[in-house]
């Protein structure tokens, strides 16, 4: 049986193709045997990387809705990409034919920040954020504090699609 381990290369020839026979792995090209130590170390590392990739790509949801980047400025929270686009078009009148439109892309809101109005955050949570040193600024006439978009989604806790924020890339 031939197997490809994309993260494990043969020490002799650099191949990633391995043949398996009776529990041993042999390089398909030079027939070098992969040591048990290498199998253990390399496979553990490969599985760790794969697990982290899965964790990084997991969708964050609040009420079944996820965050979508629709253009360079706005994040829309909706049940899916089509619904996000429809909310965006309805709110701003920008269609997929417009030059501002860049396509709908799901984002991980835990890795993106925004300014959120201080007046809409429960007092105890606001005190925690200030203690943690979160940045406060006047944004669009309101005193705001920098939080993750995931936290903003939890605070809004809505069930219908909505525009969440201006992109943190612009901030």
Protein backbone atom coordinates (compact mmCIF):
# COMPACT_ATOMS: atom_id res chain seq x y z
CA UNK A 1 0.00 0.00 0.00
CA UNK A 2 1.39 3.42 -0.99
CA UNK A 3 0.84 6.43 1.27
CA UNK A 4 1.75 10.12 0.93
CA UNK A 5 2.77 11.95 4.10
CA UNK A 6 3.02 15.54 2.93
CA UNK A 7 4.92 16.69 6.02
CA UNK A 8 7.28 13.69 6.24
CA UNK A 9 10.18 13.50 3.81
CA UNK A 10 12.66 10.68 3.29
CA UNK A 11 16.04 11.49 4.87
CA UNK A 12 17.90 10.12 1.83
CA UNK A 13 15.98 11.35 -1.22
CA UNK A 14 13.35 13.79 0.10
CA UNK A 15 10.37 11.85 -1.29
CA UNK A 16 6.99 12.09 0.44
CA UNK A 17 5.73 8.76 -0.95
CA UNK A 18 5.95 5.74 1.33
CA UNK A 19 5.10 2.06 0.93
CA UNK A 20 3.72 0.24 3.92
CA UNK A 21 4.46 -3.42 4.56
CA UNK A 22 3.95 -5.28 7.83
CA UNK A 23 3.77 -2.06 9.84
CA UNK A 24 6.97 -0.58 8.40
CA UNK A 25 7.19 2.36 6.03
CA UNK A 26 9.68 2.29 3.15
CA UNK A 27 10.50 5.19 0.86
CA UNK A 28 8.86 4.38 -2.45
CA UNK A 29 11.87 5.70 -4.38
CA UNK A 30 15.02 4.67 -2.49
CA UNK A 31 13.47 1.98 -0.22
CA UNK A 32 14.95 3.59 2.92
CA UNK A 33 13.08 2.49 6.06
CA UNK A 34 11.44 5.20 8.15
CA UNK A 35 12.53 4.79 11.78
CA UNK A 36 9.94 4.32 14.51
CA UNK A 37 11.29 7.46 16.18
CA UNK A 38 10.80 9.50 13.00
CA UNK A 39 7.31 8.07 12.47
CA UNK A 40 6.33 8.98 16.01
CA UNK A 41 7.89 12.47 16.05
CA UNK A 42 6.91 13.47 12.50
CA UNK A 43 3.37 12.11 12.62
CA UNK A 44 2.67 13.77 15.96
CA UNK A 45 3.83 17.09 14.51
CA UNK A 46 1.80 16.56 11.32
CA UNK A 47 -1.34 15.75 13.31
CA UNK A 48 -0.74 18.77 15.59
CA UNK A 49 -0.49 21.07 12.53
CA UNK A 50 -3.59 19.51 10.98
CA UNK A 51 -5.55 19.86 14.24
CA UNK A 52 -4.52 23.53 14.52
CA UNK A 53 -5.62 24.17 10.91
CA UNK A 54 -9.02 22.68 11.74
CA UNK A 55 -9.29 24.84 14.87
CA UNK A 56 -8.27 27.95 12.90
CA UNK A 57 -10.92 27.29 10.25
CA UNK A 58 -13.83 26.49 12.55
CA UNK A 59 -16.75 28.82 11.99
CA UNK A 60 -17.83 30.98 14.91
CA UNK A 61 -21.61 31.26 15.21
CA UNK A 62 -24.10 33.20 17.27
CA UNK A 63 -27.73 32.16 16.75
CA UNK A 64 -26.64 30.13 13.72
CA UNK A 65 -25.13 33.20 12.04
CA UNK A 66 -21.51 33.71 10.93
CA UNK A 67 -19.42 36.76 9.98
CA UNK A 68 -18.77 37.60 6.31
CA UNK A 69 -16.52 40.22 4.75
CA UNK A 70 -18.42 41.75 1.84
CA UNK A 71 -16.08 44.56 0.84
CA UNK A 72 -12.99 46.20 2.23
CA UNK A 73 -15.06 48.12 4.78
CA UNK A 74 -17.97 46.06 6.07
CA UNK A 75 -18.58 42.84 7.97
CA UNK A 76 -22.07 41.36 7.70
CA UNK A 77 -23.45 38.74 10.09
CA UNK A 78 -25.83 36.30 8.40
CA UNK A 79 -26.78 32.62 8.10
CA UNK A 80 -24.82 32.25 4.85
CA UNK A 81 -22.98 34.09 2.11
CA UNK A 82 -26.03 34.74 -0.08
CA UNK A 83 -27.95 36.18 2.86
CA UNK A 84 -24.94 38.38 3.77
CA UNK A 85 -24.80 39.75 0.22
CA UNK A 86 -28.54 40.37 0.16
CA UNK A 87 -28.36 42.28 3.49
CA UNK A 88 -25.45 44.35 2.18
CA UNK A 89 -27.25 45.19 -1.10
CA UNK A 90 -30.43 46.09 0.79
CA UNK A 91 -28.57 48.30 3.30
CA UNK A 92 -26.21 50.11 0.92
CA UNK A 93 -27.61 49.55 -2.56
CA UNK A 94 -24.27 48.21 -3.77
CA UNK A 95 -24.64 45.27 -6.13
CA UNK A 96 -22.15 42.64 -7.27
CA UNK A 97 -21.68 44.77 -10.43
CA UNK A 98 -20.34 47.71 -8.40
CA UNK A 99 -16.56 48.21 -8.31
CA UNK A 100 -16.58 48.31 -4.47
CA UNK A 101 -17.96 44.77 -4.30
CA UNK A 102 -15.18 42.22 -3.79
CA UNK A 103 -17.12 39.04 -3.09
CA UNK A 104 -18.41 37.42 0.07
CA UNK A 105 -15.81 35.72 2.27
CA UNK A 106 -16.43 34.10 5.66
CA UNK A 107 -14.05 35.43 8.29
CA UNK A 108 -13.06 34.26 11.75
CA UNK A 109 -14.45 37.04 13.99
CA UNK A 110 -12.23 35.91 16.86
CA UNK A 111 -9.20 37.11 14.87
CA UNK A 112 -10.57 40.49 13.87
CA UNK A 113 -11.22 43.56 16.02
CA UNK A 114 -13.59 46.50 15.87
CA UNK A 115 -14.62 49.53 17.90
CA UNK A 116 -17.86 48.93 19.82
CA UNK A 117 -19.89 51.67 21.59
CA UNK A 118 -19.11 51.73 25.33
CA UNK A 119 -22.77 52.58 26.04
CA UNK A 120 -23.86 49.17 24.68
CA UNK A 121 -21.51 47.04 26.83
CA UNK A 122 -22.62 45.78 30.27
CA UNK A 123 -20.80 47.73 33.02
CA UNK A 124 -19.01 44.70 34.52
CA UNK A 125 -17.69 43.60 31.11
CA UNK A 126 -16.63 47.16 30.28
CA UNK A 127 -14.65 47.37 33.53
CA UNK A 128 -12.90 44.07 32.67
CA UNK A 129 -11.99 45.35 29.19
CA UNK A 130 -10.61 48.61 30.59
CA UNK A 131 -8.56 46.68 33.19
CA UNK A 132 -7.17 44.52 30.38
CA UNK A 133 -6.01 47.71 28.65
CA UNK A 134 -8.36 47.67 25.65
CA UNK A 135 -8.02 50.78 23.52
CA UNK A 136 -10.81 53.40 23.77
CA UNK A 137 -11.45 56.06 21.13
CA UNK A 138 -14.11 58.37 19.83
CA UNK A 139 -15.46 56.64 16.72
CA UNK A 140 -18.25 58.15 14.63
CA UNK A 141 -19.19 60.45 17.53
CA UNK A 142 -19.38 57.70 20.19
CA UNK A 143 -16.90 56.64 22.86
CA UNK A 144 -15.93 53.12 21.76
CA UNK A 145 -13.65 50.32 22.91
CA UNK A 146 -11.72 47.81 20.83
CA UNK A 147 -13.12 44.24 21.07
CA UNK A 148 -13.16 41.17 18.83
CA UNK A 149 -15.94 40.90 16.30
CA UNK A 150 -16.90 37.59 17.98
CA UNK A 151 -17.56 39.42 21.24
CA UNK A 152 -19.54 42.08 19.37
CA UNK A 153 -21.66 39.32 17.80
CA UNK A 154 -22.39 37.91 21.27
CA UNK A 155 -23.29 41.36 22.60
CA UNK A 156 -25.67 42.07 19.68
CA UNK A 157 -27.20 38.57 19.94
CA UNK A 158 -29.53 39.14 16.97
CA UNK A 159 -31.29 36.54 14.85
CA UNK A 160 -31.70 38.53 11.62
CA UNK A 161 -28.80 39.51 9.31
CA UNK A 162 -27.08 42.81 10.14
CA UNK A 163 -24.05 44.96 9.33
CA UNK A 164 -21.63 44.40 12.20
CA UNK A 165 -18.79 46.80 11.63
CA UNK A 166 -16.31 48.72 9.62
CA UNK A 167 -13.32 46.49 8.89
CA UNK A 168 -10.51 46.51 11.43
CA UNK A 169 -8.16 46.85 8.46
CA UNK A 170 -9.39 50.42 8.08
CA UNK A 171 -9.02 51.27 11.79
